[in-house]
Amino acid sequence: MAEHRSMQRAALLDAARSLLSEGGTEALTFPALAERTGLARSSVYEYFRSRAAVVEELCEVDFPVWAAEVAAAMGAADGAEAKVEAYVRRQLALVGDRRHRAVVAISASELDAGAREKIRAAHGGLVAMIGEALEEMGHSEPRLAAMLLQGVVDAAVRRIELGAAEDPAAIAEAAVAMALRGVRG
């Protein structure tokens, strides 16, 4: 029974990822989740009490995987500047990933305080990740620089997500150049 519930919960989360990446937060509804998974709408409520609860669990499950990929890219980089570049490039490379598109859709939505706090904490982990490289570069305010650097990444992500006129590779190159020039001081 526990294995069946676990599989159903995973199917609901997978359906939520698809809905979010295809249609944004407006698409994430319990009737849509029920339709995608073949469950009765009332059954969806047995797994999640609200849309915010689905969002919170997606953050708990998906954001650590995404962050681990960014950390691995940074770990493979040699030197502080290369770590900054890896930090930016890996996040932008993840834009096409369903997990990433779901997190972006989630972060743009109207959520309750608990869900917003989980997203803030997850983003805080990304900011902390790059802080060490910025300290290594001799930055006088590594936390502030890390938050601003993440702002550059977030803006590039939004530009790619919007299907901007620029090629995603050109957006990535511009973001890397801006990030590196900015963190050098």
N, C-alpha and C. Protein backbone atom coordinates (compact mmCIF):
# COMPACT_ATOMS: atom_id res chain seq x y z
N MET A 1 0.83 -1.20 0.00
CA MET A 1 0.00 0.00 0.00
C MET A 1 0.87 1.26 0.00
N ALA A 2 1.92 1.28 0.82
CA ALA A 2 2.79 2.45 0.88
C ALA A 2 3.49 2.67 -0.45
N GLU A 3 3.89 1.59 -1.10
CA GLU A 3 4.56 1.72 -2.40
C GLU A 3 3.60 2.29 -3.45
N HIS A 4 2.34 1.86 -3.40
CA HIS A 4 1.34 2.37 -4.34
C HIS A 4 1.13 3.87 -4.12
N ARG A 5 1.03 4.29 -2.87
CA ARG A 5 0.85 5.72 -2.57
C ARG A 5 2.06 6.52 -3.03
N SER A 6 3.23 5.97 -2.84
CA SER A 6 4.45 6.63 -3.27
C SER A 6 4.47 6.80 -4.79
N MET A 7 4.06 5.76 -5.51
CA MET A 7 4.01 5.83 -6.97
C MET A 7 2.97 6.84 -7.44
N GLN A 8 1.82 6.87 -6.78
CA GLN A 8 0.77 7.83 -7.14
C GLN A 8 1.24 9.26 -6.90
N ARG A 9 1.91 9.47 -5.76
CA ARG A 9 2.43 10.80 -5.42
C ARG A 9 3.46 11.24 -6.47
N ALA A 10 4.34 10.32 -6.86
CA ALA A 10 5.35 10.62 -7.89
C ALA A 10 4.68 10.94 -9.22
N ALA A 11 3.62 10.21 -9.56
CA ALA A 11 2.88 10.48 -10.80
C ALA A 11 2.23 11.86 -10.75
N LEU A 12 1.70 12.23 -9.60
CA LEU A 12 1.09 13.55 -9.45
C LEU A 12 2.14 14.66 -9.59
N LEU A 13 3.31 14.45 -9.00
CA LEU A 13 4.37 15.45 -9.12
C LEU A 13 4.85 15.55 -10.57
N ASP A 14 4.96 14.43 -11.25
CA ASP A 14 5.37 14.46 -12.65
C ASP A 14 4.34 15.20 -13.50
N ALA A 15 3.08 14.94 -13.22
CA ALA A 15 2.01 15.64 -13.94
C ALA A 15 2.06 17.14 -13.64
N ALA A 16 2.34 17.48 -12.39
CA ALA A 16 2.43 18.90 -12.00
C ALA A 16 3.58 19.57 -12.75
N ARG A 17 4.72 18.90 -12.86
CA ARG A 17 5.86 19.44 -13.62
C ARG A 17 5.45 19.73 -15.07
N SER A 18 4.77 18.77 -15.66
CA SER A 18 4.35 18.92 -17.06
C SER A 18 3.38 20.09 -17.20
N LEU A 19 2.42 20.15 -16.32
CA LEU A 19 1.43 21.23 -16.39
C LEU A 19 2.10 22.59 -16.23
N LEU A 20 2.99 22.70 -15.26
CA LEU A 20 3.68 23.97 -15.02
C LEU A 20 4.56 24.36 -16.21
N SER A 21 5.26 23.40 -16.77
CA SER A 21 6.17 23.75 -17.87
C SER A 21 5.40 24.03 -19.15
N GLU A 22 4.22 23.45 -19.30
CA GLU A 22 3.42 23.67 -20.52
C GLU A 22 2.57 24.93 -20.44
N GLY A 23 2.01 25.20 -19.25
CA GLY A 23 1.04 26.29 -19.19
C GLY A 23 1.19 27.22 -18.01
N GLY A 24 2.28 27.11 -17.27
CA GLY A 24 2.47 27.99 -16.12
C GLY A 24 1.56 27.62 -14.96
N THR A 25 1.53 28.48 -13.98
CA THR A 25 0.80 28.15 -12.75
C THR A 25 -0.71 28.05 -12.95
N GLU A 26 -1.23 28.76 -13.96
CA GLU A 26 -2.68 28.67 -14.20
C GLU A 26 -3.09 27.26 -14.60
N ALA A 27 -2.16 26.53 -15.22
CA ALA A 27 -2.46 25.18 -15.68
C ALA A 27 -2.45 24.15 -14.56
N LEU A 28 -1.82 24.51 -13.44
CA LEU A 28 -1.73 23.56 -12.32
C LEU A 28 -3.00 23.62 -11.48
N THR A 29 -3.94 22.76 -11.83
CA THR A 29 -5.20 22.66 -11.10
C THR A 29 -5.41 21.20 -10.70
N PHE A 30 -6.22 20.98 -9.68
CA PHE A 30 -6.48 19.61 -9.28
C PHE A 30 -7.25 18.83 -10.34
N PRO A 31 -8.21 19.44 -11.04
CA PRO A 31 -8.85 18.68 -12.13
C PRO A 31 -7.84 18.27 -13.22
N ALA A 32 -6.90 19.15 -13.54
CA ALA A 32 -5.90 18.82 -14.55
C ALA A 32 -4.97 17.71 -14.04
N LEU A 33 -4.59 17.78 -12.76
CA LEU A 33 -3.77 16.72 -12.18
C LEU A 33 -4.50 15.38 -12.23
N ALA A 34 -5.78 15.41 -11.89
CA ALA A 34 -6.58 14.19 -11.92
C ALA A 34 -6.65 13.61 -13.33
N GLU A 35 -6.88 14.49 -14.30
CA GLU A 35 -6.97 14.04 -15.69
C GLU A 35 -5.65 13.43 -16.17
N ARG A 36 -4.54 14.08 -15.84
CA ARG A 36 -3.22 13.60 -16.28
C ARG A 36 -2.84 12.27 -15.66
N THR A 37 -3.29 12.03 -14.44
CA THR A 37 -2.88 10.81 -13.73
C THR A 37 -3.94 9.71 -13.75
N GLY A 38 -5.13 10.04 -14.22
CA GLY A 38 -6.20 9.05 -14.23
C GLY A 38 -6.85 8.85 -12.87
N LEU A 39 -6.55 9.73 -11.93
CA LEU A 39 -7.16 9.65 -10.61
C LEU A 39 -8.45 10.46 -10.58
N ALA A 40 -9.29 10.12 -9.64
CA ALA A 40 -10.47 10.96 -9.39
C ALA A 40 -9.99 12.26 -8.74
N ARG A 41 -10.68 13.35 -9.04
CA ARG A 41 -10.28 14.64 -8.47
C ARG A 41 -10.21 14.59 -6.95
N SER A 42 -11.15 13.90 -6.34
CA SER A 42 -11.14 13.79 -4.87
C SER A 42 -9.91 13.04 -4.37
N SER A 43 -9.38 12.14 -5.19
CA SER A 43 -8.19 11.39 -4.80
C SER A 43 -6.96 12.27 -4.74
N VAL A 44 -6.91 13.28 -5.59
CA VAL A 44 -5.77 14.20 -5.59
C VAL A 44 -5.68 14.86 -4.22
N TYR A 45 -6.82 15.19 -3.63
CA TYR A 45 -6.84 15.83 -2.31
C TYR A 45 -6.34 14.91 -1.21
N GLU A 46 -6.33 13.60 -1.44
CA GLU A 46 -5.77 12.67 -0.46
C GLU A 46 -4.25 12.81 -0.38
N TYR A 47 -3.63 13.29 -1.46
CA TYR A 47 -2.17 13.44 -1.52
C TYR A 47 -1.71 14.85 -1.20
N PHE A 48 -2.49 15.83 -1.63
CA PHE A 48 -2.12 17.24 -1.43
C PHE A 48 -3.35 18.03 -1.00
N ARG A 49 -3.17 18.86 0.02
CA ARG A 49 -4.30 19.63 0.53
C ARG A 49 -4.60 20.86 -0.32
N SER A 50 -3.58 21.31 -1.10
CA SER A 50 -3.75 22.52 -1.90
C SER A 50 -2.72 22.56 -3.02
N ARG A 51 -2.92 23.49 -3.91
CA ARG A 51 -1.94 23.70 -4.98
C ARG A 51 -0.60 24.11 -4.39
N ALA A 52 -0.63 24.93 -3.34
CA ALA A 52 0.61 25.35 -2.68
C ALA A 52 1.37 24.15 -2.13
N ALA A 53 0.65 23.15 -1.63
CA ALA A 53 1.31 21.94 -1.12
C ALA A 53 2.02 21.19 -2.24
N VAL A 54 1.43 21.17 -3.43
CA VAL A 54 2.08 20.55 -4.59
C VAL A 54 3.36 21.31 -4.91
N VAL A 55 3.25 22.62 -4.93
CA VAL A 55 4.39 23.49 -5.22
C VAL A 55 5.51 23.28 -4.20
N GLU A 56 5.16 23.24 -2.92
CA GLU A 56 6.16 23.03 -1.87
C GLU A 56 6.89 21.71 -2.08
N GLU A 57 6.15 20.67 -2.38
CA GLU A 57 6.80 19.37 -2.56
C GLU A 57 7.67 19.36 -3.82
N LEU A 58 7.23 20.01 -4.88
CA LEU A 58 8.07 20.10 -6.08
C LEU A 58 9.39 20.80 -5.75
N CYS A 59 9.30 21.86 -4.96
CA CYS A 59 10.52 22.56 -4.56
C CYS A 59 11.43 21.65 -3.75
N GLU A 60 10.85 20.92 -2.81
CA GLU A 60 11.64 20.02 -1.96
C GLU A 60 12.31 18.92 -2.77
N VAL A 61 11.64 18.44 -3.81
CA VAL A 61 12.15 17.33 -4.61
C VAL A 61 13.08 17.81 -5.73
N ASP A 62 12.66 18.84 -6.46
CA ASP A 62 13.37 19.23 -7.68
C ASP A 62 14.51 20.21 -7.47
N PHE A 63 14.34 21.15 -6.58
CA PHE A 63 15.38 22.17 -6.44
C PHE A 63 16.71 21.59 -5.99
N PRO A 64 16.75 20.64 -5.06
CA PRO A 64 18.05 20.06 -4.69
C PRO A 64 18.75 19.36 -5.86
N VAL A 65 17.99 18.74 -6.75
CA VAL A 65 18.59 18.08 -7.92
C VAL A 65 19.21 19.14 -8.82
N TRP A 66 18.47 20.21 -9.05
CA TRP A 66 18.95 21.31 -9.88
C TRP A 66 20.19 21.94 -9.25
N ALA A 67 20.14 22.21 -7.96
CA ALA A 67 21.28 22.81 -7.26
C ALA A 67 22.50 21.90 -7.30
N ALA A 68 22.28 20.59 -7.19
CA ALA A 68 23.39 19.63 -7.25
C ALA A 68 24.06 19.66 -8.62
N GLU A 69 23.28 19.87 -9.66
CA GLU A 69 23.87 19.96 -11.00
C GLU A 69 24.72 21.22 -11.13
N VAL A 70 24.26 22.31 -10.55
CA VAL A 70 25.03 23.55 -10.57
C VAL A 70 26.31 23.36 -9.74
N ALA A 71 26.19 22.74 -8.57
CA ALA A 71 27.35 22.50 -7.71
C ALA A 71 28.37 21.60 -8.40
N ALA A 72 27.90 20.58 -9.11
CA ALA A 72 28.80 19.68 -9.82
C ALA A 72 29.56 20.43 -10.92
N ALA A 73 28.87 21.29 -11.64
CA ALA A 73 29.53 22.07 -12.69
C ALA A 73 30.58 22.99 -12.08
N MET A 74 30.25 23.60 -10.96
CA MET A 74 31.21 24.47 -10.29
C MET A 74 32.39 23.66 -9.76
N GLY A 75 32.12 22.47 -9.24
CA GLY A 75 33.17 21.62 -8.70
C GLY A 75 34.16 21.16 -9.76
N ALA A 76 33.69 21.04 -10.99
CA ALA A 76 34.55 20.61 -12.09
C ALA A 76 35.37 21.77 -12.66
N ALA A 77 35.02 23.00 -12.25
CA ALA A 77 35.71 24.18 -12.78
C ALA A 77 36.99 24.44 -12.01
N ASP A 78 37.98 24.96 -12.70
CA ASP A 78 39.28 25.23 -12.10
C ASP A 78 39.45 26.74 -11.90
N GLY A 79 39.42 27.18 -10.66
CA GLY A 79 39.59 28.59 -10.36
C GLY A 79 38.27 29.30 -10.12
N ALA A 80 38.35 30.41 -9.41
CA ALA A 80 37.15 31.14 -9.00
C ALA A 80 36.36 31.68 -10.18
N GLU A 81 37.04 32.28 -11.16
CA GLU A 81 36.31 32.83 -12.32
C GLU A 81 35.63 31.72 -13.10
N ALA A 82 36.29 30.59 -13.24
CA ALA A 82 35.70 29.46 -13.95
C ALA A 82 34.48 28.93 -13.19
N LYS A 83 34.52 29.00 -11.86
CA LYS A 83 33.36 28.59 -11.05
C LYS A 83 32.18 29.53 -11.28
N VAL A 84 32.46 30.83 -11.35
CA VAL A 84 31.39 31.81 -11.62
C VAL A 84 30.79 31.52 -12.99
N GLU A 85 31.64 31.30 -13.98
CA GLU A 85 31.15 30.99 -15.32
C GLU A 85 30.31 29.71 -15.32
N ALA A 86 30.79 28.67 -14.63
CA ALA A 86 30.04 27.41 -14.56
C ALA A 86 28.70 27.60 -13.87
N TYR A 87 28.68 28.42 -12.83
CA TYR A 87 27.45 28.72 -12.09
C TYR A 87 26.40 29.32 -13.03
N VAL A 88 26.82 30.29 -13.83
CA VAL A 88 25.89 30.95 -14.75
C VAL A 88 25.50 29.98 -15.87
N ARG A 89 26.48 29.39 -16.52
CA ARG A 89 26.20 28.53 -17.67
C ARG A 89 25.32 27.34 -17.33
N ARG A 90 25.59 26.70 -16.19
CA ARG A 90 24.80 25.51 -15.85
C ARG A 90 23.35 25.87 -15.58
N GLN A 91 23.12 26.98 -14.89
CA GLN A 91 21.73 27.38 -14.65
C GLN A 91 21.01 27.68 -15.96
N LEU A 92 21.70 28.35 -16.88
CA LEU A 92 21.07 28.67 -18.16
C LEU A 92 20.89 27.43 -19.02
N ALA A 93 21.78 26.46 -18.90
CA ALA A 93 21.63 25.21 -19.64
C ALA A 93 20.42 24.41 -19.15
N LEU A 94 20.06 24.61 -17.90
CA LEU A 94 18.93 23.88 -17.32
C LEU A 94 17.57 24.46 -17.70
N VAL A 95 17.56 25.59 -18.40
CA VAL A 95 16.30 26.25 -18.72
C VAL A 95 15.34 25.32 -19.45
N GLY A 96 15.83 24.49 -20.35
CA GLY A 96 14.94 23.60 -21.10
C GLY A 96 14.46 22.40 -20.31
N ASP A 97 15.07 22.12 -19.17
CA ASP A 97 14.70 20.98 -18.33
C ASP A 97 13.33 21.23 -17.69
N ARG A 98 12.46 20.22 -17.72
CA ARG A 98 11.11 20.37 -17.15
C ARG A 98 11.15 20.78 -15.68
N ARG A 99 12.11 20.23 -14.92
CA ARG A 99 12.19 20.58 -13.50
C ARG A 99 12.46 22.07 -13.35
N HIS A 100 13.35 22.57 -14.18
CA HIS A 100 13.69 23.98 -14.11
C HIS A 100 12.50 24.84 -14.53
N ARG A 101 11.86 24.47 -15.64
CA ARG A 101 10.73 25.27 -16.11
C ARG A 101 9.62 25.27 -15.07
N ALA A 102 9.45 24.17 -14.36
CA ALA A 102 8.44 24.13 -13.30
C ALA A 102 8.82 25.07 -12.16
N VAL A 103 10.10 25.07 -11.78
CA VAL A 103 10.55 25.96 -10.69
C VAL A 103 10.38 27.41 -11.10
N VAL A 104 10.69 27.74 -12.35
CA VAL A 104 10.52 29.12 -12.83
C VAL A 104 9.05 29.50 -12.79
N ALA A 105 8.18 28.60 -13.26
CA ALA A 105 6.74 28.89 -13.23
C ALA A 105 6.26 29.06 -11.80
N ILE A 106 6.77 28.24 -10.92
CA ILE A 106 6.38 28.32 -9.52
C ILE A 106 6.79 29.66 -8.93
N SER A 107 8.02 30.07 -9.20
CA SER A 107 8.53 31.28 -8.58
C SER A 107 7.81 32.52 -9.07
N ALA A 108 7.15 32.43 -10.21
CA ALA A 108 6.43 33.58 -10.76
C ALA A 108 5.00 33.64 -10.24
N SER A 109 4.57 32.67 -9.48
CA SER A 109 3.16 32.59 -9.11
C SER A 109 2.86 33.20 -7.75
N GLU A 110 1.59 33.34 -7.52
CA GLU A 110 1.09 33.80 -6.23
C GLU A 110 1.01 32.58 -5.32
N LEU A 111 1.87 32.54 -4.31
CA LEU A 111 1.93 31.38 -3.42
C LEU A 111 1.73 31.82 -1.98
N ASP A 112 1.41 30.85 -1.14
CA ASP A 112 1.29 31.18 0.28
C ASP A 112 2.68 31.37 0.88
N ALA A 113 2.72 31.86 2.10
CA ALA A 113 3.99 32.21 2.75
C ALA A 113 4.92 31.00 2.88
N GLY A 114 4.39 29.84 3.18
CA GLY A 114 5.21 28.63 3.34
C GLY A 114 5.91 28.26 2.05
N ALA A 115 5.18 28.28 0.95
CA ALA A 115 5.77 27.93 -0.34
C ALA A 115 6.81 28.97 -0.75
N ARG A 116 6.50 30.25 -0.54
CA ARG A 116 7.47 31.31 -0.87
C ARG A 116 8.74 31.16 -0.04
N GLU A 117 8.60 30.78 1.22
CA GLU A 117 9.78 30.61 2.09
C GLU A 117 10.65 29.46 1.61
N LYS A 118 10.03 28.36 1.17
CA LYS A 118 10.80 27.23 0.65
C LYS A 118 11.58 27.64 -0.61
N ILE A 119 10.96 28.42 -1.46
CA ILE A 119 11.65 28.88 -2.67
C ILE A 119 12.79 29.81 -2.29
N ARG A 120 12.55 30.73 -1.35
CA ARG A 120 13.61 31.64 -0.90
C ARG A 120 14.79 30.87 -0.32
N ALA A 121 14.48 29.86 0.48
CA ALA A 121 15.55 29.06 1.09
C ALA A 121 16.36 28.33 0.01
N ALA A 122 15.67 27.79 -0.98
CA ALA A 122 16.35 27.08 -2.05
C ALA A 122 17.24 28.04 -2.84
N HIS A 123 16.73 29.22 -3.16
CA HIS A 123 17.54 30.22 -3.87
C HIS A 123 18.70 30.68 -2.99
N GLY A 124 18.48 30.73 -1.69
CA GLY A 124 19.56 31.10 -0.76
C GLY A 124 20.70 30.11 -0.84
N GLY A 125 20.38 28.84 -1.05
CA GLY A 125 21.41 27.82 -1.21
C GLY A 125 22.25 28.06 -2.46
N LEU A 126 21.60 28.50 -3.54
CA LEU A 126 22.35 28.82 -4.76
C LEU A 126 23.27 30.01 -4.53
N VAL A 127 22.76 31.02 -3.87
CA VAL A 127 23.55 32.23 -3.60
C VAL A 127 24.74 31.88 -2.72
N ALA A 128 24.54 31.05 -1.71
CA ALA A 128 25.63 30.65 -0.82
C ALA A 128 26.69 29.86 -1.59
N MET A 129 26.26 29.08 -2.56
CA MET A 129 27.15 28.25 -3.35
C MET A 129 28.21 29.10 -4.07
N ILE A 130 27.81 30.24 -4.59
CA ILE A 130 28.73 31.05 -5.37
C ILE A 130 29.52 32.02 -4.50
N GLY A 131 29.07 32.24 -3.28
CA GLY A 131 29.74 33.18 -2.38
C GLY A 131 31.19 32.85 -2.13
N GLU A 132 31.50 31.58 -2.01
CA GLU A 132 32.88 31.16 -1.75
C GLU A 132 33.82 31.54 -2.91
N ALA A 133 33.35 31.34 -4.13
CA ALA A 133 34.17 31.71 -5.30
C ALA A 133 34.37 33.22 -5.33
N LEU A 134 33.35 33.97 -4.95
CA LEU A 134 33.46 35.43 -4.95
C LEU A 134 34.44 35.89 -3.86
N GLU A 135 34.41 35.22 -2.71
CA GLU A 135 35.39 35.52 -1.65
C GLU A 135 36.80 35.24 -2.14
N GLU A 136 36.94 34.10 -2.83
CA GLU A 136 38.24 33.71 -3.36
C GLU A 136 38.78 34.75 -4.35
N MET A 137 37.86 35.40 -5.05
CA MET A 137 38.25 36.45 -6.00
C MET A 137 38.57 37.76 -5.29
N GLY A 138 38.38 37.78 -3.97
CA GLY A 138 38.69 38.97 -3.20
C GLY A 138 37.56 39.99 -3.15
N HIS A 139 36.34 39.56 -3.46
CA HIS A 139 35.22 40.49 -3.45
C HIS A 139 34.95 40.96 -2.02
N SER A 140 34.78 42.24 -1.84
CA SER A 140 34.61 42.80 -0.50
C SER A 140 33.25 42.46 0.11
N GLU A 141 32.23 42.25 -0.71
CA GLU A 141 30.90 41.90 -0.23
C GLU A 141 30.38 40.71 -1.02
N PRO A 142 30.89 39.51 -0.72
CA PRO A 142 30.54 38.35 -1.54
C PRO A 142 29.06 37.99 -1.52
N ARG A 143 28.39 38.17 -0.40
CA ARG A 143 26.95 37.83 -0.34
C ARG A 143 26.14 38.76 -1.24
N LEU A 144 26.41 40.05 -1.14
CA LEU A 144 25.72 41.02 -1.99
C LEU A 144 26.02 40.73 -3.47
N ALA A 145 27.29 40.51 -3.78
CA ALA A 145 27.67 40.21 -5.15
C ALA A 145 26.98 38.93 -5.64
N ALA A 146 26.87 37.93 -4.77
CA ALA A 146 26.21 36.67 -5.14
C ALA A 146 24.73 36.91 -5.45
N MET A 147 24.08 37.72 -4.64
CA MET A 147 22.65 38.00 -4.89
C MET A 147 22.47 38.76 -6.21
N LEU A 148 23.35 39.72 -6.48
CA LEU A 148 23.26 40.46 -7.73
C LEU A 148 23.59 39.56 -8.93
N LEU A 149 24.57 38.69 -8.75
CA LEU A 149 24.92 37.74 -9.80
C LEU A 149 23.72 36.83 -10.11
N GLN A 150 23.04 36.37 -9.07
CA GLN A 150 21.86 35.54 -9.30
C GLN A 150 20.78 36.34 -10.03
N GLY A 151 20.72 37.63 -9.77
CA GLY A 151 19.78 38.49 -10.50
C GLY A 151 20.08 38.50 -11.99
N VAL A 152 21.35 38.52 -12.36
CA VAL A 152 21.74 38.45 -13.78
C VAL A 152 21.28 37.11 -14.36
N VAL A 153 21.51 36.04 -13.62
CA VAL A 153 21.10 34.71 -14.08
C VAL A 153 19.57 34.66 -14.23
N ASP A 154 18.85 35.16 -13.24
CA ASP A 154 17.39 35.14 -13.30
C ASP A 154 16.86 35.93 -14.49
N ALA A 155 17.48 37.09 -14.77
CA ALA A 155 17.06 37.89 -15.92
C ALA A 155 17.32 37.15 -17.23
N ALA A 156 18.46 36.48 -17.32
CA ALA A 156 18.77 35.70 -18.53
C ALA A 156 17.81 34.53 -18.68
N VAL A 157 17.47 33.88 -17.56
CA VAL A 157 16.50 32.78 -17.60
C VAL A 157 15.16 33.29 -18.14
N ARG A 158 14.70 34.41 -17.59
CA ARG A 158 13.41 34.96 -18.05
C ARG A 158 13.47 35.30 -19.54
N ARG A 159 14.58 35.84 -19.99
CA ARG A 159 14.73 36.21 -21.40
C ARG A 159 14.66 34.96 -22.28
N ILE A 160 15.31 33.89 -21.86
CA ILE A 160 15.26 32.64 -22.62
C ILE A 160 13.85 32.06 -22.58
N GLU A 161 13.25 32.05 -21.40
CA GLU A 161 11.90 31.50 -21.24
C GLU A 161 10.87 32.23 -22.09
N LEU A 162 11.05 33.53 -22.26
CA LEU A 162 10.11 34.33 -23.05
C LEU A 162 10.24 34.06 -24.54
N GLY A 163 11.28 33.33 -24.92
CA GLY A 163 11.51 33.08 -26.33
C GLY A 163 11.97 34.35 -27.02
N ALA A 164 12.86 35.07 -26.37
CA ALA A 164 13.35 36.35 -26.88
C ALA A 164 13.92 36.19 -28.28
N ALA A 165 14.03 37.32 -28.95
CA ALA A 165 14.56 37.32 -30.32
C ALA A 165 15.99 36.80 -30.37
N GLU A 166 16.75 36.99 -29.28
CA GLU A 166 18.13 36.52 -29.25
C GLU A 166 18.17 35.00 -29.09
N ASP A 167 19.20 34.44 -29.65
CA ASP A 167 19.47 33.01 -29.50
C ASP A 167 19.82 32.74 -28.03
N PRO A 168 19.35 31.64 -27.45
CA PRO A 168 19.71 31.34 -26.06
C PRO A 168 21.21 31.31 -25.81
N ALA A 169 21.98 30.87 -26.81
CA ALA A 169 23.44 30.86 -26.65
C ALA A 169 23.98 32.29 -26.53
N ALA A 170 23.40 33.22 -27.28
CA ALA A 170 23.83 34.62 -27.21
C ALA A 170 23.46 35.22 -25.85
N ILE A 171 22.30 34.84 -25.34
CA ILE A 171 21.89 35.31 -24.01
C ILE A 171 22.85 34.78 -22.96
N ALA A 172 23.21 33.51 -23.07
CA ALA A 172 24.16 32.90 -22.12
C ALA A 172 25.51 33.61 -22.19
N GLU A 173 26.00 33.87 -23.39
CA GLU A 173 27.29 34.55 -23.53
C GLU A 173 27.24 35.94 -22.90
N ALA A 174 26.17 36.67 -23.15
CA ALA A 174 26.03 38.02 -22.58
C ALA A 174 25.96 37.95 -21.06
N ALA A 175 25.23 36.98 -20.53
CA ALA A 175 25.10 36.84 -19.07
C ALA A 175 26.45 36.48 -18.44
N VAL A 176 27.19 35.58 -19.06
CA VAL A 176 28.50 35.20 -18.54
C VAL A 176 29.43 36.40 -18.56
N ALA A 177 29.46 37.13 -19.68
CA ALA A 177 30.34 38.30 -19.79
C ALA A 177 29.98 39.34 -18.74
N MET A 178 28.69 39.60 -18.58
CA MET A 178 28.24 40.59 -17.60
C MET A 178 28.59 40.12 -16.19
N ALA A 179 28.37 38.87 -15.92
CA ALA A 179 28.67 38.32 -14.59
C ALA A 179 30.15 38.45 -14.27
N LEU A 180 30.99 38.01 -15.19
CA LEU A 180 32.42 38.04 -14.94
C LEU A 180 32.95 39.48 -14.81
N ARG A 181 32.50 40.37 -15.68
CA ARG A 181 32.92 41.77 -15.54
C ARG A 181 32.44 42.36 -14.23
N GLY A 182 31.21 42.01 -13.84
CA GLY A 182 30.64 42.56 -12.61
C GLY A 182 31.32 42.06 -11.35
N VAL A 183 31.65 40.80 -11.30
CA VAL A 183 32.24 40.25 -10.08
C VAL A 183 33.73 40.58 -9.95
N ARG A 184 34.34 40.97 -11.06
CA ARG A 184 35.74 41.37 -10.98
C ARG A 184 35.90 42.73 -10.30
N GLY A 185 34.78 43.48 -10.26
CA GLY A 185 34.84 44.76 -9.56
C GLY A 185 35.07 45.83 -10.49
